[in-house]
C-alpha atoms as a PDB file:
ATOM      1  CA  GLY A   1    -103.339 -64.805  -0.464  1.00  0.00           C
ATOM      2  CA  PHE A   2    -102.657 -67.737   1.817  1.00  0.00           C
ATOM      3  CA  SER A   3    -104.321 -67.610   5.237  1.00  0.00           C
ATOM      4  CA  TYR A   4    -103.948 -68.930   8.787  1.00  0.00           C
ATOM      5  CA  VAL A   5    -106.653 -69.196  11.442  1.00  0.00           C
ATOM      6  CA  ASP A   6    -105.804 -68.727  15.140  1.00  0.00           C
ATOM      7  CA  LEU A   7    -108.053 -69.305  18.135  1.00  0.00           C
ATOM      8  CA  VAL A   8    -108.018 -66.111  20.214  1.00  0.00           C
ATOM      9  CA  GLU A   9    -109.724 -64.930  23.400  1.00  0.00           C
ATOM     10  CA  GLY A  10    -111.384 -61.524  23.777  1.00  0.00           C
ATOM     11  CA  LEU A  11    -109.816 -59.507  26.602  1.00  0.00           C
ATOM     12  CA  ARG A  12    -113.064 -57.697  27.374  1.00  0.00           C
ATOM     13  CA  ASP A  13    -115.648 -60.447  27.017  1.00  0.00           C
ATOM     14  CA  GLY A  14    -113.578 -63.624  27.587  1.00  0.00           C
ATOM     15  CA  ARG A  15    -115.169 -65.170  24.484  1.00  0.00           C
ATOM     16  CA  PHE A  16    -113.286 -67.240  21.948  1.00  0.00           C
ATOM     17  CA  TYR A  17    -112.944 -65.995  18.376  1.00  0.00           C
ATOM     18  CA  ALA A  18    -111.330 -67.248  15.184  1.00  0.00           C
ATOM     19  CA  LEU A  19    -108.751 -64.800  13.835  1.00  0.00           C
ATOM     20  CA  LYS A  20    -108.229 -65.315  10.107  1.00  0.00           C
ATOM     21  CA  ARG A  21    -104.931 -63.812   8.939  1.00  0.00           C
ATOM     22  CA  ILE A  22    -104.702 -63.459   5.169  1.00  0.00           C
ATOM     23  CA  LEU A  23    -101.120 -62.987   3.934  1.00  0.00           C
ATOM     24  CA  CYS A  24    -101.081 -60.283   1.267  1.00  0.00           C
ATOM     25  CA  HIS A  25     -97.985 -60.185  -0.935  1.00  0.00           C
ATOM     26  CA  ASP A  26     -99.183 -57.472  -3.308  1.00  0.00           C
ATOM     27  CA  LYS A  27    -101.958 -55.002  -4.073  1.00  0.00           C
ATOM     28  CA  GLU A  28    -104.045 -57.733  -5.748  1.00  0.00           C
ATOM     29  CA  ASP A  29    -103.955 -59.859  -2.566  1.00  0.00           C
ATOM     30  CA  ARG A  30    -104.954 -56.837  -0.474  1.00  0.00           C
ATOM     31  CA  GLN A  31    -107.897 -56.125  -2.782  1.00  0.00           C
ATOM     32  CA  ALA A  32    -109.001 -59.782  -2.579  1.00  0.00           C
ATOM     33  CA  ALA A  33    -108.909 -59.641   1.244  1.00  0.00           C
ATOM     34  CA  LEU A  34    -110.904 -56.397   1.284  1.00  0.00           C
ATOM     35  CA  HIS A  35    -113.394 -57.987  -1.134  1.00  0.00           C
ATOM     36  CA  GLU A  36    -113.944 -60.777   1.422  1.00  0.00           C
ATOM     37  CA  VAL A  37    -114.545 -58.155   4.130  1.00  0.00           C
ATOM     38  CA  GLU A  38    -116.998 -56.356   1.844  1.00  0.00           C
ATOM     39  CA  MET A  39    -118.920 -59.593   1.151  1.00  0.00           C
ATOM     40  CA  HIS A  40    -119.314 -60.240   4.899  1.00  0.00           C
ATOM     41  CA  GLY A  41    -120.711 -56.717   5.253  1.00  0.00           C
ATOM     42  CA  LEU A  42    -123.668 -57.569   2.996  1.00  0.00           C
ATOM     43  CA  PHE A  43    -125.160 -60.114   5.381  1.00  0.00           C
ATOM     44  CA  ASP A  44    -126.631 -60.418   8.830  1.00  0.00           C
ATOM     45  CA  HIS A  45    -127.957 -63.966   8.679  1.00  0.00           C
ATOM     46  CA  PRO A  46    -127.805 -66.896  11.143  1.00  0.00           C
ATOM     47  CA  ASN A  47    -126.496 -69.248   8.418  1.00  0.00           C
ATOM     48  CA  ILE A  48    -123.677 -66.956   7.205  1.00  0.00           C
ATOM     49  CA  LEU A  49    -120.576 -66.401   9.339  1.00  0.00           C
ATOM     50  CA  ARG A  50    -120.567 -62.879  10.715  1.00  0.00           C
ATOM     51  CA  LEU A  51    -117.509 -60.637  10.618  1.00  0.00           C
ATOM     52  CA  VAL A  52    -116.885 -59.160  14.087  1.00  0.00           C
ATOM     53  CA  ALA A  53    -114.036 -56.791  13.132  1.00  0.00           C
ATOM     54  CA  HIS A  54    -111.217 -56.416  10.626  1.00  0.00           C
ATOM     55  CA  CYS A  55    -108.009 -54.478  10.020  1.00  0.00           C
ATOM     56  CA  MET A  56    -104.995 -54.415   7.718  1.00  0.00           C
ATOM     57  CA  VAL A  57    -101.671 -54.965   9.515  1.00  0.00           C
ATOM     58  CA  GLU A  58     -98.364 -53.890   7.960  1.00  0.00           C
ATOM     59  CA  LYS A  59     -95.500 -56.363   8.398  1.00  0.00           C
ATOM     60  CA  GLY A  60     -92.486 -54.751   6.756  1.00  0.00           C
ATOM     61  CA  ALA A  61     -93.110 -54.694   3.002  1.00  0.00           C
ATOM     62  CA  LYS A  62     -95.966 -57.181   3.341  1.00  0.00           C
ATOM     63  CA  HIS A  63     -99.464 -56.842   4.740  1.00  0.00           C
ATOM     64  CA  GLU A  64    -101.794 -59.127   6.632  1.00  0.00           C
ATOM     65  CA  ALA A  65    -105.575 -58.716   6.576  1.00  0.00           C
ATOM     66  CA  TRP A  66    -106.975 -59.722   9.965  1.00  0.00           C
ATOM     67  CA  LEU A  67    -110.597 -60.888  10.046  1.00  0.00           C
ATOM     68  CA  LEU A  68    -112.078 -61.529  13.486  1.00  0.00           C
ATOM     69  CA  LEU A  69    -114.841 -64.137  13.253  1.00  0.00           C
ATOM     70  CA  PRO A  70    -116.997 -65.974  15.812  1.00  0.00           C
ATOM     71  CA  TYR A  71    -115.537 -69.299  16.958  1.00  0.00           C
ATOM     72  CA  VAL A  72    -117.975 -72.052  15.976  1.00  0.00           C
ATOM     73  CA  LYS A  73    -117.421 -74.985  18.328  1.00  0.00           C
ATOM     74  CA  GLY A  74    -118.692 -77.820  16.162  1.00  0.00           C
ATOM     75  CA  GLY A  75    -115.978 -77.471  13.514  1.00  0.00           C
ATOM     76  CA  THR A  76    -116.613 -78.109   9.826  1.00  0.00           C
ATOM     77  CA  LEU A  77    -119.203 -80.335   8.197  1.00  0.00           C
ATOM     78  CA  TRP A  78    -116.289 -82.199   6.585  1.00  0.00           C
ATOM     79  CA  ARG A  79    -114.870 -83.045  10.010  1.00  0.00           C
ATOM     80  CA  GLU A  80    -118.260 -84.430  11.035  1.00  0.00           C
ATOM     81  CA  VAL A  81    -118.570 -86.521   7.852  1.00  0.00           C
ATOM     82  CA  GLU A  82    -115.043 -87.898   8.394  1.00  0.00           C
ATOM     83  CA  ALA A  83    -115.775 -88.767  12.051  1.00  0.00           C
ATOM     84  CA  LEU A  84    -118.904 -90.713  11.015  1.00  0.00           C
ATOM     85  CA  ARG A  85    -117.019 -92.492   8.238  1.00  0.00           C
ATOM     86  CA  GLU A  86    -114.283 -93.555  10.651  1.00  0.00           C
ATOM     87  CA  LYS A  87    -116.968 -95.087  12.905  1.00  0.00           C
ATOM     88  CA  GLY A  88    -118.402 -96.903   9.882  1.00  0.00           C
ATOM     89  CA  THR A  89    -121.745 -95.091  10.191  1.00  0.00           C
ATOM     90  CA  PHE A  90    -123.683 -92.688   8.016  1.00  0.00           C
ATOM     91  CA  MET A  91    -125.641 -89.544   8.696  1.00  0.00           C
ATOM     92  CA  PRO A  92    -129.361 -90.236   9.216  1.00  0.00           C
ATOM     93  CA  GLU A  93    -131.736 -88.608   6.727  1.00  0.00           C
ATOM     94  CA  GLN A  94    -133.416 -86.330   9.290  1.00  0.00           C
ATOM     95  CA  ARG A  95    -130.068 -84.851  10.296  1.00  0.00           C
ATOM     96  CA  ILE A  96    -129.091 -84.371   6.641  1.00  0.00           C
ATOM     97  CA  LEU A  97    -132.368 -82.521   6.031  1.00  0.00           C
ATOM     98  CA  LEU A  98    -131.806 -80.249   9.035  1.00  0.00           C
ATOM     99  CA  ILE A  99    -128.263 -79.318   7.947  1.00  0.00           C
ATOM    100  CA  LEU A 100    -129.183 -79.027   4.264  1.00  0.00           C
ATOM    101  CA  HIS A 101    -132.077 -76.713   5.115  1.00  0.00           C
ATOM    102  CA  GLY A 102    -129.750 -74.307   6.957  1.00  0.00           C
ATOM    103  CA  ILE A 103    -127.193 -74.332   4.109  1.00  0.00           C
ATOM    104  CA  CYS A 104    -130.024 -73.534   1.686  1.00  0.00           C
ATOM    105  CA  ARG A 105    -131.205 -70.629   3.842  1.00  0.00           C
ATOM    106  CA  GLY A 106    -127.682 -69.175   3.789  1.00  0.00           C
ATOM    107  CA  LEU A 107    -127.459 -69.603   0.011  1.00  0.00           C
ATOM    108  CA  GLN A 108    -130.921 -68.085  -0.409  1.00  0.00           C
ATOM    109  CA  ALA A 109    -129.710 -64.941   1.404  1.00  0.00           C
ATOM    110  CA  ILE A 110    -126.647 -64.754  -0.884  1.00  0.00           C
ATOM    111  CA  HIS A 111    -128.614 -65.351  -4.099  1.00  0.00           C
ATOM    112  CA  SER A 112    -131.362 -62.883  -3.145  1.00  0.00           C
ATOM    113  CA  LYS A 113    -128.737 -60.114  -3.081  1.00  0.00           C
ATOM    114  CA  GLY A 114    -127.599 -61.034  -6.598  1.00  0.00           C
ATOM    115  CA  TYR A 115    -124.417 -62.874  -5.544  1.00  0.00           C
ATOM    116  CA  ALA A 116    -123.137 -66.466  -5.688  1.00  0.00           C
ATOM    117  CA  HIS A 117    -120.834 -68.186  -3.150  1.00  0.00           C
ATOM    118  CA  ARG A 118    -118.813 -70.075  -5.829  1.00  0.00           C
ATOM    119  CA  ASP A 119    -116.857 -72.258  -3.377  1.00  0.00           C
ATOM    120  CA  LEU A 120    -119.456 -74.197  -1.417  1.00  0.00           C
ATOM    121  CA  LYS A 121    -117.970 -77.430   0.013  1.00  0.00           C
ATOM    122  CA  PRO A 122    -118.058 -79.312   3.350  1.00  0.00           C
ATOM    123  CA  THR A 123    -114.896 -77.569   4.640  1.00  0.00           C
ATOM    124  CA  ASN A 124    -116.633 -74.190   4.119  1.00  0.00           C
ATOM    125  CA  VAL A 125    -119.638 -75.128   6.256  1.00  0.00           C
ATOM    126  CA  LEU A 126    -119.345 -74.877  10.048  1.00  0.00           C
ATOM    127  CA  LEU A 127    -121.755 -76.610  12.448  1.00  0.00           C
ATOM    128  CA  ASP A 128    -122.762 -74.950  15.721  1.00  0.00           C
ATOM    129  CA  GLU A 129    -123.816 -76.792  18.893  1.00  0.00           C
ATOM    130  CA  ASP A 130    -127.393 -77.130  17.569  1.00  0.00           C
ATOM    131  CA  ASP A 131    -126.209 -78.603  14.258  1.00  0.00           C
ATOM    132  CA  GLN A 132    -127.099 -75.323  12.537  1.00  0.00           C
ATOM    133  CA  PRO A 133    -124.800 -74.831   9.530  1.00  0.00           C
ATOM    134  CA  VAL A 134    -122.944 -71.563   9.003  1.00  0.00           C
ATOM    135  CA  LEU A 135    -121.446 -70.731   5.580  1.00  0.00           C
ATOM    136  CA  MET A 136    -117.942 -69.306   5.652  1.00  0.00           C
ATOM    137  CA  ASP A 137    -115.087 -68.287   3.352  1.00  0.00           C
ATOM    138  CA  LEU A 138    -116.815 -65.613   1.296  1.00  0.00           C
ATOM    139  CA  GLY A 139    -113.623 -64.731  -0.604  1.00  0.00           C
ATOM    140  CA  SER A 140    -114.750 -66.386  -3.857  1.00  0.00           C
ATOM    141  CA  MET A 141    -118.165 -64.698  -3.821  1.00  0.00           C
ATOM    142  CA  ASN A 142    -119.037 -62.521  -6.793  1.00  0.00           C
ATOM    143  CA  ARG A 143    -121.996 -61.252  -8.783  1.00  0.00           C
ATOM    144  CA  ALA A 144    -124.231 -64.204  -9.646  1.00  0.00           C
ATOM    145  CA  ARG A 145    -124.786 -63.305 -13.300  1.00  0.00           C
ATOM    146  CA  ILE A 146    -121.671 -63.304 -15.488  1.00  0.00           C
ATOM    147  CA  GLU A 147    -122.262 -62.569 -19.173  1.00  0.00           C
ATOM    148  CA  VAL A 148    -119.641 -64.034 -21.494  1.00  0.00           C
ATOM    149  CA  ASN A 149    -119.476 -62.557 -25.004  1.00  0.00           C
ATOM    150  CA  SER A 150    -116.077 -63.613 -26.360  1.00  0.00           C
ATOM    151  CA  SER A 151    -113.526 -66.428 -26.135  1.00  0.00           C
ATOM    152  CA  ARG A 152    -111.225 -64.059 -24.194  1.00  0.00           C
ATOM    153  CA  GLU A 153    -113.930 -63.434 -21.578  1.00  0.00           C
ATOM    154  CA  ALA A 154    -114.679 -67.167 -21.457  1.00  0.00           C
ATOM    155  CA  MET A 155    -111.016 -67.945 -20.795  1.00  0.00           C
ATOM    156  CA  ALA A 156    -110.867 -65.298 -18.048  1.00  0.00           C
ATOM    157  CA  VAL A 157    -113.878 -66.855 -16.263  1.00  0.00           C
ATOM    158  CA  GLN A 158    -112.393 -70.345 -16.662  1.00  0.00           C
ATOM    159  CA  ASP A 159    -109.021 -69.237 -15.237  1.00  0.00           C
ATOM    160  CA  TRP A 160    -110.747 -67.452 -12.355  1.00  0.00           C
ATOM    161  CA  ALA A 161    -112.793 -70.593 -11.545  1.00  0.00           C
ATOM    162  CA  ALA A 162    -109.647 -72.755 -11.679  1.00  0.00           C
ATOM    163  CA  GLN A 163    -108.133 -70.554  -8.951  1.00  0.00           C
ATOM    164  CA  ARG A 164    -111.197 -69.873  -6.794  1.00  0.00           C
ATOM    165  CA  CYS A 165    -113.618 -72.840  -7.096  1.00  0.00           C
ATOM    166  CA  THR A 166    -112.495 -76.154  -5.569  1.00  0.00           C
ATOM    167  CA  ILE A 167    -112.159 -78.654  -8.420  1.00  0.00           C
ATOM    168  CA  SER A 168    -114.204 -81.575  -7.037  1.00  0.00           C
ATOM    169  CA  TYR A 169    -117.144 -79.246  -6.160  1.00  0.00           C
ATOM    170  CA  ARG A 170    -116.926 -77.077  -9.308  1.00  0.00           C
ATOM    171  CA  ALA A 171    -119.932 -76.957 -11.654  1.00  0.00           C
ATOM    172  CA  PRO A 172    -119.468 -78.434 -15.168  1.00  0.00           C
ATOM    173  CA  GLU A 173    -120.082 -75.073 -16.898  1.00  0.00           C
ATOM    174  CA  LEU A 174    -117.004 -73.593 -15.165  1.00  0.00           C
ATOM    175  CA  PHE A 175    -114.583 -76.186 -16.612  1.00  0.00           C
ATOM    176  CA  THR A 176    -115.168 -75.339 -20.285  1.00  0.00           C
ATOM    177  CA  VAL A 177    -116.806 -71.939 -20.550  1.00  0.00           C
ATOM    178  CA  PRO A 178    -118.435 -71.291 -23.965  1.00  0.00           C
ATOM    179  CA  SER A 179    -117.615 -67.986 -25.689  1.00  0.00           C
ATOM    180  CA  GLN A 180    -121.308 -66.971 -25.652  1.00  0.00           C
ATOM    181  CA  CYS A 181    -123.103 -67.828 -22.409  1.00  0.00           C
ATOM    182  CA  VAL A 182    -124.389 -66.637 -19.059  1.00  0.00           C
ATOM    183  CA  ILE A 183    -122.973 -68.170 -15.869  1.00  0.00           C
ATOM    184  CA  ASP A 184    -125.286 -67.689 -12.914  1.00  0.00           C
ATOM    185  CA  GLU A 185    -125.909 -68.715  -9.293  1.00  0.00           C
ATOM    186  CA  ARG A 186    -126.813 -72.259 -10.340  1.00  0.00           C
ATOM    187  CA  THR A 187    -123.103 -73.092 -10.054  1.00  0.00           C
ATOM    188  CA  ASP A 188    -123.866 -73.082  -6.282  1.00  0.00           C
ATOM    189  CA  ILE A 189    -126.746 -75.546  -6.762  1.00  0.00           C
ATOM    190  CA  TRP A 190    -124.327 -78.057  -8.310  1.00  0.00           C
ATOM    191  CA  SER A 191    -121.904 -77.593  -5.393  1.00  0.00           C
ATOM    192  CA  LEU A 192    -124.839 -77.957  -2.979  1.00  0.00           C
ATOM    193  CA  GLY A 193    -125.616 -81.302  -4.637  1.00  0.00           C
ATOM    194  CA  CYS A 194    -121.995 -82.384  -4.084  1.00  0.00           C
ATOM    195  CA  VAL A 195    -122.293 -81.388  -0.399  1.00  0.00           C
ATOM    196  CA  LEU A 196    -125.545 -83.371  -0.063  1.00  0.00           C
ATOM    197  CA  TYR A 197    -123.877 -86.396  -1.715  1.00  0.00           C
ATOM    198  CA  CYS A 198    -120.982 -86.070   0.742  1.00  0.00           C
ATOM    199  CA  MET A 199    -123.373 -86.113   3.742  1.00  0.00           C
ATOM    200  CA  MET A 200    -125.108 -89.207   2.314  1.00  0.00           C
ATOM    201  CA  PHE A 201    -122.077 -91.252   1.216  1.00  0.00           C
ATOM    202  CA  GLY A 202    -119.125 -90.012   3.290  1.00  0.00           C
ATOM    203  CA  GLU A 203    -117.228 -88.250   0.482  1.00  0.00           C
ATOM    204  CA  GLY A 204    -117.946 -85.930  -2.435  1.00  0.00           C
ATOM    205  CA  PRO A 205    -118.947 -87.547  -5.760  1.00  0.00           C
ATOM    206  CA  TYR A 206    -115.678 -86.479  -7.435  1.00  0.00           C
ATOM    207  CA  ASP A 207    -113.252 -86.590  -4.474  1.00  0.00           C
ATOM    208  CA  ALA A 208    -111.905 -90.063  -5.343  1.00  0.00           C
ATOM    209  CA  ILE A 209    -111.561 -89.174  -9.056  1.00  0.00           C
ATOM    210  CA  PHE A 210    -109.503 -86.096  -8.144  1.00  0.00           C
ATOM    211  CA  GLN A 211    -107.367 -88.048  -5.640  1.00  0.00           C
ATOM    212  CA  LYS A 212    -106.594 -90.700  -8.267  1.00  0.00           C
ATOM    213  CA  GLY A 213    -105.442 -87.984 -10.655  1.00  0.00           C
ATOM    214  CA  ASP A 214    -108.239 -88.672 -13.154  1.00  0.00           C
ATOM    215  CA  SER A 215    -110.072 -85.864 -14.948  1.00  0.00           C
ATOM    216  CA  VAL A 216    -112.857 -84.256 -12.901  1.00  0.00           C
ATOM    217  CA  ALA A 217    -113.639 -82.047 -15.944  1.00  0.00           C
ATOM    218  CA  LEU A 218    -114.570 -85.178 -17.932  1.00  0.00           C
ATOM    219  CA  ALA A 219    -116.338 -86.922 -15.047  1.00  0.00           C
ATOM    220  CA  VAL A 220    -118.753 -84.038 -14.377  1.00  0.00           C
ATOM    221  CA  GLN A 221    -120.023 -84.193 -17.980  1.00  0.00           C
ATOM    222  CA  ASN A 222    -121.539 -87.646 -17.323  1.00  0.00           C
ATOM    223  CA  PRO A 223    -124.833 -88.209 -15.493  1.00  0.00           C
ATOM    224  CA  LEU A 224    -124.388 -88.842 -11.760  1.00  0.00           C
ATOM    225  CA  THR A 225    -124.480 -92.429 -10.524  1.00  0.00           C
ATOM    226  CA  LEU A 226    -125.271 -93.245  -6.880  1.00  0.00           C
ATOM    227  CA  PRO A 227    -124.058 -96.148  -4.762  1.00  0.00           C
ATOM    228  CA  SER A 228    -127.083 -98.405  -4.265  1.00  0.00           C
ATOM    229  CA  THR A 229    -128.632 -97.629  -0.894  1.00  0.00           C
ATOM    230  CA  THR A 230    -131.845 -98.192   1.002  1.00  0.00           C
ATOM    231  CA  ARG A 231    -130.728 -95.782   3.758  1.00  0.00           C
ATOM    232  CA  TYR A 232    -132.234 -92.728   2.107  1.00  0.00           C
ATOM    233  CA  SER A 233    -135.670 -91.997   0.674  1.00  0.00           C
ATOM    234  CA  ALA A 234    -136.303 -91.937  -3.068  1.00  0.00           C
ATOM    235  CA  ALA A 235    -137.395 -88.287  -2.644  1.00  0.00           C
ATOM    236  CA  LEU A 236    -133.997 -87.287  -1.187  1.00  0.00           C
ATOM    237  CA  GLN A 237    -132.219 -89.094  -4.023  1.00  0.00           C
ATOM    238  CA  ARG A 238    -134.442 -87.307  -6.572  1.00  0.00           C
ATOM    239  CA  LEU A 239    -133.563 -83.956  -4.973  1.00  0.00           C
ATOM    240  CA  LEU A 240    -129.862 -84.823  -5.291  1.00  0.00           C
ATOM    241  CA  PHE A 241    -130.221 -85.761  -8.992  1.00  0.00           C
ATOM    242  CA  SER A 242    -132.103 -82.519  -9.729  1.00  0.00           C
ATOM    243  CA  MET A 243    -129.268 -80.414  -8.247  1.00  0.00           C
ATOM    244  CA  MET A 244    -126.584 -82.321 -10.133  1.00  0.00           C
ATOM    245  CA  THR A 245    -128.012 -81.914 -13.618  1.00  0.00           C
ATOM    246  CA  VAL A 246    -125.176 -81.167 -16.047  1.00  0.00           C
ATOM    247  CA  ASN A 247    -127.188 -78.485 -17.874  1.00  0.00           C
ATOM    248  CA  PRO A 248    -127.443 -75.501 -15.482  1.00  0.00           C
ATOM    249  CA  GLN A 249    -130.703 -74.356 -17.137  1.00  0.00           C
ATOM    250  CA  GLU A 250    -132.357 -77.552 -15.873  1.00  0.00           C
ATOM    251  CA  ARG A 251    -131.145 -77.171 -12.280  1.00  0.00           C
ATOM    252  CA  PRO A 252    -133.608 -75.838  -9.687  1.00  0.00           C
ATOM    253  CA  SER A 253    -133.188 -72.398  -8.120  1.00  0.00           C
ATOM    254  CA  ILE A 254    -132.439 -72.227  -4.389  1.00  0.00           C
ATOM    255  CA  ASN A 255    -136.097 -71.327  -3.740  1.00  0.00           C
ATOM    256  CA  GLU A 256    -137.205 -74.439  -5.634  1.00  0.00           C
ATOM    257  CA  VAL A 257    -134.743 -76.580  -3.642  1.00  0.00           C
ATOM    258  CA  LEU A 258    -136.151 -75.161  -0.396  1.00  0.00           C
ATOM    259  CA  HIS A 259    -139.683 -75.875  -1.617  1.00  0.00           C
ATOM    260  CA  GLN A 260    -138.731 -79.508  -2.364  1.00  0.00           C
ATOM    261  CA  LEU A 261    -137.015 -79.758   1.021  1.00  0.00           C
ATOM    262  CA  GLU A 262    -140.099 -78.575   2.849  1.00  0.00           C
ATOM    263  CA  GLY A 263    -141.968 -81.516   1.340  1.00  0.00           C
ATOM    264  CA  LEU A 264    -139.303 -83.847   2.784  1.00  0.00           C
ATOM    265  CA  GLN A 265    -139.232 -82.359   6.287  1.00  0.00           C
ATOM    266  CA  PRO A 266    -140.776 -84.460   9.064  1.00  0.00           C
ATOM    267  CA  ALA A 267    -144.113 -83.268  10.460  1.00  0.00           C
ATOM    268  CA  PRO A 268    -143.771 -81.180  13.650  1.00  0.00           C
ATOM    269  CA  ALA A 269    -144.158 -83.180  16.876  1.00  0.00           C
ATOM    270  CA  GLY A 270    -147.749 -84.049  17.654  1.00  0.00           C
ATOM    271  CA  GLN A 271    -148.958 -83.954  14.057  1.00  0.00           C
ATOM    272  CA  ASP A 272    -149.870 -87.239  12.466  1.00  0.00           C
ATOM    273  CA  THR A 273    -149.109 -87.771   8.800  1.00  0.00           C
ATOM    274  CA  THR A 274    -150.619 -90.330   6.508  1.00  0.00           C
ATOM    275  CA  GLN A 275    -148.421 -91.750   3.795  1.00  0.00           C
ATOM    276  CA  ILE A 276    -150.334 -92.199   0.578  1.00  0.00           C
END
């Protein structure tokens, strides 16, 4: 269902919270809202938004699912990217690495439980006061491994993805699902690449294509091209290319991405490094 988010204050603790109200028109909507609640219940992780409380409210014939969530002051990563773009500046590499590392830790927690987020994008990443990212909107989450054994099953997965996975961040294998295949958590790695691209260049790689009304489904089948830049290291650009490989089998796992990231992280203060 459609949802609204209100800023509310706790009577007992005086703290601010975000109250997400999901409008449920039928039983299917109610089940989807309860699925989101259930997904939150799987995690207690600093990089995944925690669910404080929830309830189902009856409003005549309709229902609203109320999800009480912590209020994260920094707003979304998308808002931050937009603010930088309006100033004509770009995010420095060290800040990108810090944010990307936190997003990866959140994804690692999701993947390690056998799930995939399926709708990772800059508007679904919140930034706290310390620039720590927090993943939100777990409503599209489902089991990571989806086995497809017929054209009917393939069509069902494709239709589901069209509804639940934002088009300009959707992995190529979700646009045209083969009748014999396995979809897995590497759909998130593609979306993670799109988020990294957005932090580097001020918009997602397929945002402009979608806004122009051109086919994202066709565009994602072609190898990624980057605007020429000397702002970012060759290693960061290589990491981006590895995540945005069209063939999901060739994409790294989240643990491999984290391993690559660790090689890119600056040395802790006081430690000298020698570049070879």
